[in-house]
Amino acid sequence: MLLAVGRLSEEKGFDFLLSAFAELAHAHLDWDLVILGEGSLRSELERQVQVLGLTGRVHLPGRAGNMGDWYARADLYVMSSRYEGFPNALGEAMAYGCAVVSYDCDTGPRDLIRHGVDGLLVKPVGDVLALARALGQLMRDDALRTRMAAKAVEVRERYSMENILAMWEKLFDEVKS
């Protein structure tokens, strides 16, 4: 399963994601796309699913309280945002051991993803075919996806409380000097 999480709103770029998945669906019949979340674009996205012929392959179950279960079941996580701050859902997916694909927004995803190590960053934002190529690469290569997923959990250590506090302490020490 390919998983995405976020508000069903313009900035999350789920319209891009649906178009990218449409490029892949015929070649990856064993993959479905699940988009968790709720928002003002639900009806537009549902219409896009129908127009693209993805009914039965794309699921929009709404909000979910058991996010750990969803991340654990996902084979791959995707973030198709037009822009981001610090993407918590992306960090959570990686902490649960998901290989990830994301647009390389000006801020956010590149702070978490080590391109080619634990996921893939896609440029430019909004390039549907580039997103489809990156997703397709990991959807068809189980070994690569498994290696990236194993590395993704390292985000736990990189963003642990101890490491973040140490960075702040170092900054304060530099400012005092």
N, C-alpha and C. Protein backbone atom coordinates (compact mmCIF):
# COMPACT_ATOMS: atom_id res chain seq x y z
N MET A 1 0.84 -1.17 0.00
CA MET A 1 0.00 0.00 0.00
C MET A 1 0.89 1.24 0.00
N LEU A 2 0.48 2.21 -0.80
CA LEU A 2 1.09 3.53 -0.83
C LEU A 2 0.24 4.42 0.06
N LEU A 3 0.86 5.10 1.03
CA LEU A 3 0.13 5.88 2.01
C LEU A 3 0.51 7.34 1.93
N ALA A 4 -0.50 8.21 2.05
CA ALA A 4 -0.30 9.65 2.20
C ALA A 4 -1.22 10.13 3.32
N VAL A 5 -0.78 11.16 4.03
CA VAL A 5 -1.54 11.67 5.18
C VAL A 5 -1.54 13.19 5.13
N GLY A 6 -2.70 13.79 5.37
CA GLY A 6 -2.76 15.25 5.47
C GLY A 6 -4.15 15.78 5.22
N ARG A 7 -4.29 17.07 5.46
CA ARG A 7 -5.57 17.74 5.16
C ARG A 7 -5.84 17.64 3.67
N LEU A 8 -7.08 17.43 3.33
CA LEU A 8 -7.46 17.42 1.92
C LEU A 8 -7.63 18.87 1.49
N SER A 9 -6.49 19.53 1.31
CA SER A 9 -6.47 20.94 0.97
C SER A 9 -5.40 21.20 -0.09
N GLU A 10 -5.46 22.34 -0.70
CA GLU A 10 -4.61 22.69 -1.84
C GLU A 10 -3.12 22.46 -1.59
N GLU A 11 -2.63 22.90 -0.42
CA GLU A 11 -1.18 22.85 -0.19
C GLU A 11 -0.63 21.42 -0.14
N LYS A 12 -1.47 20.44 0.14
CA LYS A 12 -0.98 19.06 0.25
C LYS A 12 -0.76 18.39 -1.10
N GLY A 13 -1.24 18.98 -2.18
CA GLY A 13 -0.92 18.48 -3.51
C GLY A 13 -1.46 17.10 -3.84
N PHE A 14 -2.55 16.70 -3.21
CA PHE A 14 -3.08 15.37 -3.50
C PHE A 14 -3.59 15.24 -4.94
N ASP A 15 -3.90 16.36 -5.57
CA ASP A 15 -4.25 16.33 -6.99
C ASP A 15 -3.05 15.85 -7.81
N PHE A 16 -1.85 16.32 -7.46
CA PHE A 16 -0.63 15.83 -8.12
C PHE A 16 -0.45 14.34 -7.87
N LEU A 17 -0.66 13.93 -6.62
CA LEU A 17 -0.46 12.53 -6.25
C LEU A 17 -1.41 11.62 -7.02
N LEU A 18 -2.66 12.01 -7.12
CA LEU A 18 -3.62 11.19 -7.86
C LEU A 18 -3.21 11.05 -9.32
N SER A 19 -2.76 12.13 -9.92
CA SER A 19 -2.30 12.07 -11.32
C SER A 19 -1.07 11.18 -11.46
N ALA A 20 -0.16 11.27 -10.49
CA ALA A 20 1.04 10.41 -10.53
C ALA A 20 0.66 8.95 -10.37
N PHE A 21 -0.25 8.66 -9.43
CA PHE A 21 -0.66 7.27 -9.23
C PHE A 21 -1.37 6.73 -10.47
N ALA A 22 -2.11 7.58 -11.16
CA ALA A 22 -2.77 7.15 -12.40
C ALA A 22 -1.75 6.71 -13.44
N GLU A 23 -0.57 7.33 -13.43
CA GLU A 23 0.50 6.94 -14.35
C GLU A 23 1.06 5.56 -14.02
N LEU A 24 0.92 5.14 -12.77
CA LEU A 24 1.54 3.90 -12.28
C LEU A 24 0.57 2.74 -12.12
N ALA A 25 -0.69 3.04 -11.93
CA ALA A 25 -1.67 2.03 -11.50
C ALA A 25 -1.72 0.81 -12.42
N HIS A 26 -1.65 1.03 -13.71
CA HIS A 26 -1.74 -0.09 -14.66
C HIS A 26 -0.55 -1.04 -14.58
N ALA A 27 0.61 -0.52 -14.18
CA ALA A 27 1.82 -1.34 -14.09
C ALA A 27 2.02 -1.95 -12.70
N HIS A 28 1.25 -1.47 -11.74
CA HIS A 28 1.41 -1.93 -10.36
C HIS A 28 0.04 -2.31 -9.80
N LEU A 29 -0.51 -3.38 -10.33
CA LEU A 29 -1.88 -3.78 -9.98
C LEU A 29 -2.03 -4.23 -8.53
N ASP A 30 -0.92 -4.56 -7.87
CA ASP A 30 -0.98 -5.00 -6.48
C ASP A 30 -0.85 -3.84 -5.49
N TRP A 31 -0.78 -2.61 -5.98
CA TRP A 31 -0.65 -1.43 -5.13
C TRP A 31 -1.94 -0.63 -5.14
N ASP A 32 -2.35 -0.20 -3.96
CA ASP A 32 -3.44 0.76 -3.80
C ASP A 32 -2.88 2.00 -3.12
N LEU A 33 -3.57 3.10 -3.29
CA LEU A 33 -3.21 4.36 -2.65
C LEU A 33 -4.26 4.68 -1.59
N VAL A 34 -3.79 4.97 -0.38
CA VAL A 34 -4.66 5.40 0.71
C VAL A 34 -4.23 6.81 1.12
N ILE A 35 -5.20 7.72 1.11
CA ILE A 35 -4.95 9.09 1.57
C ILE A 35 -5.80 9.31 2.81
N LEU A 36 -5.13 9.45 3.95
CA LEU A 36 -5.82 9.69 5.22
C LEU A 36 -5.92 11.19 5.46
N GLY A 37 -7.10 11.62 5.86
CA GLY A 37 -7.29 13.02 6.18
C GLY A 37 -8.66 13.48 5.74
N GLU A 38 -8.98 14.68 6.12
CA GLU A 38 -10.27 15.28 5.80
C GLU A 38 -10.03 16.72 5.42
N GLY A 39 -10.91 17.28 4.61
CA GLY A 39 -10.74 18.68 4.25
C GLY A 39 -11.68 19.13 3.16
N SER A 40 -11.51 20.39 2.80
CA SER A 40 -12.43 21.06 1.88
C SER A 40 -12.37 20.53 0.45
N LEU A 41 -11.31 19.85 0.07
CA LEU A 41 -11.18 19.35 -1.31
C LEU A 41 -11.64 17.90 -1.48
N ARG A 42 -12.29 17.34 -0.47
CA ARG A 42 -12.70 15.93 -0.56
C ARG A 42 -13.49 15.66 -1.83
N SER A 43 -14.52 16.42 -2.09
CA SER A 43 -15.37 16.13 -3.26
C SER A 43 -14.60 16.29 -4.56
N GLU A 44 -13.71 17.26 -4.66
CA GLU A 44 -12.90 17.43 -5.86
C GLU A 44 -11.96 16.24 -6.06
N LEU A 45 -11.35 15.78 -4.98
CA LEU A 45 -10.44 14.64 -5.08
C LEU A 45 -11.21 13.36 -5.43
N GLU A 46 -12.37 13.18 -4.85
CA GLU A 46 -13.21 12.01 -5.19
C GLU A 46 -13.59 12.05 -6.67
N ARG A 47 -13.90 13.22 -7.18
CA ARG A 47 -14.21 13.37 -8.61
C ARG A 47 -13.00 13.02 -9.46
N GLN A 48 -11.81 13.49 -9.04
CA GLN A 48 -10.58 13.20 -9.78
C GLN A 48 -10.31 11.70 -9.80
N VAL A 49 -10.56 11.03 -8.69
CA VAL A 49 -10.38 9.57 -8.64
C VAL A 49 -11.26 8.91 -9.70
N GLN A 50 -12.51 9.33 -9.81
CA GLN A 50 -13.43 8.76 -10.79
C GLN A 50 -12.97 9.06 -12.22
N VAL A 51 -12.63 10.31 -12.49
CA VAL A 51 -12.21 10.72 -13.83
C VAL A 51 -10.96 9.95 -14.28
N LEU A 52 -10.05 9.71 -13.35
CA LEU A 52 -8.81 8.99 -13.67
C LEU A 52 -8.99 7.48 -13.73
N GLY A 53 -10.19 7.00 -13.41
CA GLY A 53 -10.44 5.56 -13.45
C GLY A 53 -9.79 4.80 -12.32
N LEU A 54 -9.66 5.44 -11.16
CA LEU A 54 -8.96 4.83 -10.04
C LEU A 54 -9.89 4.34 -8.93
N THR A 55 -11.18 4.32 -9.20
CA THR A 55 -12.13 3.84 -8.20
C THR A 55 -11.77 2.40 -7.83
N GLY A 56 -11.70 2.12 -6.55
CA GLY A 56 -11.31 0.80 -6.07
C GLY A 56 -9.82 0.66 -5.83
N ARG A 57 -9.04 1.61 -6.37
CA ARG A 57 -7.58 1.60 -6.18
C ARG A 57 -7.11 2.72 -5.27
N VAL A 58 -7.93 3.76 -5.14
CA VAL A 58 -7.62 4.89 -4.27
C VAL A 58 -8.69 4.94 -3.19
N HIS A 59 -8.24 5.05 -1.96
CA HIS A 59 -9.16 5.05 -0.81
C HIS A 59 -8.94 6.32 0.00
N LEU A 60 -10.05 6.96 0.35
CA LEU A 60 -10.04 8.19 1.15
C LEU A 60 -10.87 7.95 2.40
N PRO A 61 -10.34 7.21 3.37
CA PRO A 61 -11.13 6.83 4.54
C PRO A 61 -11.39 7.95 5.55
N GLY A 62 -10.80 9.12 5.34
CA GLY A 62 -11.01 10.23 6.27
C GLY A 62 -9.96 10.24 7.36
N ARG A 63 -10.36 10.73 8.54
CA ARG A 63 -9.44 10.79 9.68
C ARG A 63 -9.25 9.40 10.27
N ALA A 64 -8.07 9.19 10.82
CA ALA A 64 -7.79 7.91 11.47
C ALA A 64 -7.05 8.19 12.77
N GLY A 65 -7.45 7.54 13.82
CA GLY A 65 -6.80 7.75 15.11
C GLY A 65 -5.67 6.78 15.38
N ASN A 66 -5.59 5.73 14.62
CA ASN A 66 -4.59 4.68 14.84
C ASN A 66 -3.45 4.80 13.82
N MET A 67 -2.80 5.95 13.80
CA MET A 67 -1.80 6.22 12.77
C MET A 67 -0.66 5.21 12.76
N GLY A 68 -0.25 4.76 13.92
CA GLY A 68 0.82 3.77 13.96
C GLY A 68 0.49 2.52 13.18
N ASP A 69 -0.76 2.09 13.25
CA ASP A 69 -1.19 0.91 12.50
C ASP A 69 -1.11 1.16 11.00
N TRP A 70 -1.50 2.36 10.56
CA TRP A 70 -1.45 2.69 9.14
C TRP A 70 -0.01 2.73 8.64
N TYR A 71 0.88 3.39 9.40
CA TYR A 71 2.28 3.45 8.98
C TYR A 71 2.89 2.05 8.94
N ALA A 72 2.54 1.22 9.91
CA ALA A 72 3.09 -0.14 9.96
C ALA A 72 2.63 -0.98 8.76
N ARG A 73 1.42 -0.72 8.27
CA ARG A 73 0.90 -1.48 7.12
C ARG A 73 1.38 -0.94 5.78
N ALA A 74 1.85 0.30 5.77
CA ALA A 74 2.26 0.92 4.50
C ALA A 74 3.55 0.30 3.98
N ASP A 75 3.61 0.14 2.67
CA ASP A 75 4.83 -0.30 2.01
C ASP A 75 5.71 0.88 1.62
N LEU A 76 5.06 2.03 1.46
CA LEU A 76 5.74 3.23 1.00
C LEU A 76 4.89 4.44 1.39
N TYR A 77 5.56 5.52 1.80
CA TYR A 77 4.86 6.75 2.17
C TYR A 77 5.20 7.84 1.16
N VAL A 78 4.21 8.66 0.81
CA VAL A 78 4.44 9.73 -0.15
C VAL A 78 3.91 11.05 0.39
N MET A 79 4.69 12.11 0.13
CA MET A 79 4.27 13.48 0.47
C MET A 79 4.32 14.29 -0.82
N SER A 80 3.17 14.78 -1.22
CA SER A 80 3.06 15.50 -2.50
C SER A 80 2.80 16.99 -2.30
N SER A 81 3.20 17.53 -1.17
CA SER A 81 2.88 18.91 -0.81
C SER A 81 3.53 19.94 -1.73
N ARG A 82 2.77 21.00 -1.97
CA ARG A 82 3.29 22.15 -2.70
C ARG A 82 4.30 22.92 -1.84
N TYR A 83 4.06 22.93 -0.53
CA TYR A 83 4.97 23.55 0.44
C TYR A 83 4.71 22.92 1.79
N GLU A 84 5.72 23.01 2.66
CA GLU A 84 5.64 22.41 3.99
C GLU A 84 6.44 23.26 4.97
N GLY A 85 6.15 23.07 6.24
CA GLY A 85 7.01 23.58 7.31
C GLY A 85 7.89 22.41 7.71
N PHE A 86 7.73 21.95 8.92
CA PHE A 86 8.41 20.73 9.36
C PHE A 86 7.34 19.63 9.34
N PRO A 87 7.39 18.72 8.39
CA PRO A 87 6.30 17.76 8.17
C PRO A 87 6.28 16.61 9.18
N ASN A 88 5.45 16.75 10.19
CA ASN A 88 5.36 15.74 11.25
C ASN A 88 4.97 14.37 10.71
N ALA A 89 3.99 14.33 9.81
CA ALA A 89 3.54 13.03 9.29
C ALA A 89 4.68 12.31 8.57
N LEU A 90 5.51 13.05 7.85
CA LEU A 90 6.66 12.46 7.17
C LEU A 90 7.62 11.87 8.19
N GLY A 91 7.91 12.61 9.24
CA GLY A 91 8.80 12.10 10.30
C GLY A 91 8.22 10.88 10.98
N GLU A 92 6.92 10.89 11.22
CA GLU A 92 6.27 9.73 11.85
C GLU A 92 6.38 8.51 10.95
N ALA A 93 6.11 8.69 9.66
CA ALA A 93 6.19 7.56 8.71
C ALA A 93 7.60 6.97 8.72
N MET A 94 8.60 7.83 8.70
CA MET A 94 9.98 7.35 8.70
C MET A 94 10.29 6.64 10.02
N ALA A 95 9.84 7.20 11.13
CA ALA A 95 10.08 6.58 12.44
C ALA A 95 9.46 5.20 12.53
N TYR A 96 8.38 4.98 11.80
CA TYR A 96 7.75 3.65 11.77
C TYR A 96 8.39 2.73 10.74
N GLY A 97 9.39 3.21 10.02
CA GLY A 97 10.12 2.36 9.09
C GLY A 97 9.58 2.35 7.68
N CYS A 98 9.03 3.46 7.24
CA CYS A 98 8.57 3.56 5.86
C CYS A 98 9.63 4.25 5.00
N ALA A 99 9.93 3.66 3.87
CA ALA A 99 10.68 4.39 2.85
C ALA A 99 9.74 5.49 2.37
N VAL A 100 10.30 6.62 1.95
CA VAL A 100 9.46 7.77 1.62
C VAL A 100 9.86 8.41 0.29
N VAL A 101 8.86 9.03 -0.33
CA VAL A 101 9.06 9.85 -1.52
C VAL A 101 8.36 11.16 -1.25
N SER A 102 9.03 12.27 -1.55
CA SER A 102 8.43 13.57 -1.31
C SER A 102 8.92 14.57 -2.34
N TYR A 103 8.05 15.51 -2.67
CA TYR A 103 8.53 16.68 -3.41
C TYR A 103 9.55 17.40 -2.52
N ASP A 104 10.56 17.96 -3.15
CA ASP A 104 11.60 18.69 -2.44
C ASP A 104 11.17 20.15 -2.29
N CYS A 105 10.25 20.39 -1.35
CA CYS A 105 9.76 21.74 -1.07
C CYS A 105 10.92 22.62 -0.60
N ASP A 106 10.70 23.93 -0.61
CA ASP A 106 11.74 24.85 -0.15
C ASP A 106 12.18 24.55 1.28
N THR A 107 11.24 24.12 2.12
CA THR A 107 11.57 23.76 3.50
C THR A 107 10.84 22.47 3.85
N GLY A 108 11.38 21.76 4.80
CA GLY A 108 10.69 20.61 5.37
C GLY A 108 11.23 19.25 4.99
N PRO A 109 10.76 18.67 3.89
CA PRO A 109 11.15 17.29 3.58
C PRO A 109 12.65 17.05 3.51
N ARG A 110 13.40 18.00 2.96
CA ARG A 110 14.86 17.77 2.85
C ARG A 110 15.55 17.80 4.21
N ASP A 111 14.86 18.32 5.23
CA ASP A 111 15.42 18.28 6.58
C ASP A 111 15.33 16.88 7.17
N LEU A 112 14.43 16.07 6.66
CA LEU A 112 14.23 14.71 7.18
C LEU A 112 14.79 13.64 6.25
N ILE A 113 14.55 13.79 4.97
CA ILE A 113 14.93 12.76 4.00
C ILE A 113 16.37 12.94 3.56
N ARG A 114 17.11 11.85 3.61
CA ARG A 114 18.46 11.80 3.04
C ARG A 114 18.29 11.13 1.67
N HIS A 115 18.28 11.95 0.62
CA HIS A 115 17.98 11.47 -0.73
C HIS A 115 18.85 10.28 -1.10
N GLY A 116 18.18 9.21 -1.51
CA GLY A 116 18.89 8.01 -1.92
C GLY A 116 19.27 7.10 -0.77
N VAL A 117 19.09 7.56 0.47
CA VAL A 117 19.44 6.75 1.65
C VAL A 117 18.17 6.20 2.30
N ASP A 118 17.25 7.08 2.66
CA ASP A 118 16.02 6.64 3.32
C ASP A 118 14.77 7.09 2.57
N GLY A 119 14.97 7.69 1.41
CA GLY A 119 13.85 8.13 0.60
C GLY A 119 14.34 8.87 -0.62
N LEU A 120 13.38 9.37 -1.37
CA LEU A 120 13.69 10.11 -2.59
C LEU A 120 13.03 11.48 -2.54
N LEU A 121 13.79 12.50 -2.90
CA LEU A 121 13.27 13.86 -3.03
C LEU A 121 13.08 14.14 -4.52
N VAL A 122 11.93 14.70 -4.86
CA VAL A 122 11.54 14.91 -6.25
C VAL A 122 11.51 16.40 -6.55
N LYS A 123 12.15 16.77 -7.66
CA LYS A 123 12.14 18.15 -8.13
C LYS A 123 11.63 18.18 -9.56
N PRO A 124 11.01 19.25 -9.95
CA PRO A 124 10.49 20.34 -9.12
C PRO A 124 9.14 19.97 -8.52
N VAL A 125 8.75 20.72 -7.51
CA VAL A 125 7.42 20.53 -6.92
C VAL A 125 6.39 20.70 -8.03
N GLY A 126 5.46 19.76 -8.07
CA GLY A 126 4.39 19.82 -9.06
C GLY A 126 4.65 19.01 -10.32
N ASP A 127 5.85 18.48 -10.50
CA ASP A 127 6.15 17.66 -11.67
C ASP A 127 5.59 16.26 -11.42
N VAL A 128 4.42 16.02 -11.98
CA VAL A 128 3.69 14.77 -11.77
C VAL A 128 4.47 13.58 -12.31
N LEU A 129 5.07 13.72 -13.48
CA LEU A 129 5.81 12.59 -14.06
C LEU A 129 7.07 12.26 -13.25
N ALA A 130 7.73 13.28 -12.71
CA ALA A 130 8.91 13.03 -11.86
C ALA A 130 8.48 12.31 -10.58
N LEU A 131 7.34 12.71 -10.02
CA LEU A 131 6.82 12.03 -8.83
C LEU A 131 6.49 10.58 -9.16
N ALA A 132 5.84 10.37 -10.31
CA ALA A 132 5.49 9.00 -10.72
C ALA A 132 6.74 8.15 -10.93
N ARG A 133 7.79 8.73 -11.52
CA ARG A 133 9.03 7.97 -11.73
C ARG A 133 9.65 7.55 -10.39
N ALA A 134 9.71 8.47 -9.43
CA ALA A 134 10.29 8.15 -8.13
C ALA A 134 9.47 7.09 -7.40
N LEU A 135 8.15 7.25 -7.41
CA LEU A 135 7.28 6.25 -6.79
C LEU A 135 7.45 4.90 -7.48
N GLY A 136 7.44 4.91 -8.78
CA GLY A 136 7.57 3.67 -9.55
C GLY A 136 8.88 2.95 -9.25
N GLN A 137 9.96 3.71 -9.10
CA GLN A 137 11.25 3.11 -8.78
C GLN A 137 11.17 2.31 -7.49
N LEU A 138 10.55 2.86 -6.47
CA LEU A 138 10.48 2.15 -5.18
C LEU A 138 9.36 1.11 -5.17
N MET A 139 8.32 1.32 -5.93
CA MET A 139 7.24 0.33 -5.98
C MET A 139 7.69 -0.96 -6.65
N ARG A 140 8.58 -0.86 -7.62
CA ARG A 140 9.01 -2.07 -8.33
C ARG A 140 10.27 -2.71 -7.76
N ASP A 141 10.98 -1.99 -6.87
CA ASP A 141 12.25 -2.51 -6.35
C ASP A 141 12.11 -2.77 -4.84
N ASP A 142 11.66 -3.99 -4.52
CA ASP A 142 11.44 -4.35 -3.11
C ASP A 142 12.72 -4.22 -2.28
N ALA A 143 13.85 -4.61 -2.84
CA ALA A 143 15.11 -4.59 -2.08
C ALA A 143 15.51 -3.15 -1.75
N LEU A 144 15.40 -2.26 -2.72
CA LEU A 144 15.75 -0.86 -2.48
C LEU A 144 14.80 -0.25 -1.46
N ARG A 145 13.52 -0.52 -1.62
CA ARG A 145 12.52 0.01 -0.67
C ARG A 145 12.80 -0.50 0.74
N THR A 146 13.16 -1.77 0.87
CA THR A 146 13.45 -2.36 2.18
C THR A 146 14.70 -1.72 2.78
N ARG A 147 15.74 -1.50 1.98
CA ARG A 147 16.96 -0.85 2.48
C ARG A 147 16.66 0.57 2.97
N MET A 148 15.88 1.31 2.18
CA MET A 148 15.54 2.68 2.58
C MET A 148 14.68 2.70 3.84
N ALA A 149 13.76 1.77 3.94
CA ALA A 149 12.90 1.69 5.13
C ALA A 149 13.73 1.42 6.38
N ALA A 150 14.74 0.55 6.25
CA ALA A 150 15.61 0.24 7.39
C ALA A 150 16.40 1.47 7.83
N LYS A 151 16.77 2.30 6.89
CA LYS A 151 17.51 3.54 7.21
C LYS A 151 16.57 4.63 7.72
N ALA A 152 15.33 4.61 7.29
CA ALA A 152 14.38 5.66 7.66
C ALA A 152 14.21 5.78 9.17
N VAL A 153 14.25 4.66 9.88
CA VAL A 153 14.05 4.69 11.33
C VAL A 153 15.16 5.47 12.06
N GLU A 154 16.27 5.72 11.38
CA GLU A 154 17.34 6.50 11.99
C GLU A 154 16.88 7.93 12.29
N VAL A 155 15.76 8.36 11.71
CA VAL A 155 15.22 9.69 12.00
C VAL A 155 14.91 9.81 13.49
N ARG A 156 14.60 8.70 14.12
CA ARG A 156 14.32 8.71 15.57
C ARG A 156 15.52 9.25 16.35
N GLU A 157 16.69 8.77 16.01
CA GLU A 157 17.91 9.21 16.69
C GLU A 157 18.30 10.63 16.27
N ARG A 158 18.22 10.91 14.98
CA ARG A 158 18.62 12.23 14.49
C ARG A 158 17.78 13.34 15.12
N TYR A 159 16.51 13.03 15.41
CA TYR A 159 15.62 14.04 15.99
C TYR A 159 15.20 13.68 17.41
N SER A 160 16.05 12.94 18.10
CA SER A 160 15.76 12.59 19.49
C SER A 160 15.86 13.85 20.35
N MET A 161 15.20 13.81 21.49
CA MET A 161 15.24 14.93 22.42
C MET A 161 16.68 15.28 22.79
N GLU A 162 17.49 14.26 23.03
CA GLU A 162 18.88 14.49 23.43
C GLU A 162 19.66 15.23 22.34
N ASN A 163 19.49 14.80 21.10
CA ASN A 163 20.22 15.44 20.00
C ASN A 163 19.74 16.86 19.75
N ILE A 164 18.45 17.09 19.83
CA ILE A 164 17.92 18.44 19.63
C ILE A 164 18.40 19.36 20.75
N LEU A 165 18.34 18.89 21.99
CA LEU A 165 18.82 19.70 23.11
C LEU A 165 20.31 20.02 22.96
N ALA A 166 21.08 19.05 22.51
CA ALA A 166 22.51 19.28 22.31
C ALA A 166 22.75 20.35 21.25
N MET A 167 21.95 20.36 20.19
CA MET A 167 22.09 21.39 19.16
C MET A 167 21.77 22.78 19.73
N TRP A 168 20.72 22.86 20.55
CA TRP A 168 20.36 24.14 21.17
C TRP A 168 21.48 24.60 22.11
N GLU A 169 22.00 23.70 22.91
CA GLU A 169 23.07 24.06 23.83
C GLU A 169 24.29 24.57 23.08
N LYS A 170 24.62 23.92 21.98
CA LYS A 170 25.75 24.35 21.16
C LYS A 170 25.49 25.75 20.60
N LEU A 171 24.30 26.00 20.13
CA LEU A 171 23.95 27.31 19.61
C LEU A 171 24.07 28.38 20.70
N PHE A 172 23.52 28.09 21.87
CA PHE A 172 23.60 29.06 22.98
C PHE A 172 25.05 29.32 23.37
N ASP A 173 25.88 28.28 23.39
CA ASP A 173 27.28 28.46 23.71
C ASP A 173 27.97 29.35 22.67
N GLU A 174 27.64 29.16 21.40
CA GLU A 174 28.23 29.99 20.33
C GLU A 174 27.79 31.44 20.45
N VAL A 175 26.55 31.66 20.81
CA VAL A 175 26.03 33.02 20.94
C VAL A 175 26.67 33.72 22.13
N LYS A 176 26.92 32.99 23.22
CA LYS A 176 27.55 33.56 24.41
C LYS A 176 29.00 33.95 24.14
N SER A 177 29.66 33.25 23.25
CA SER A 177 31.09 33.49 23.00
C SER A 177 31.35 34.76 22.24
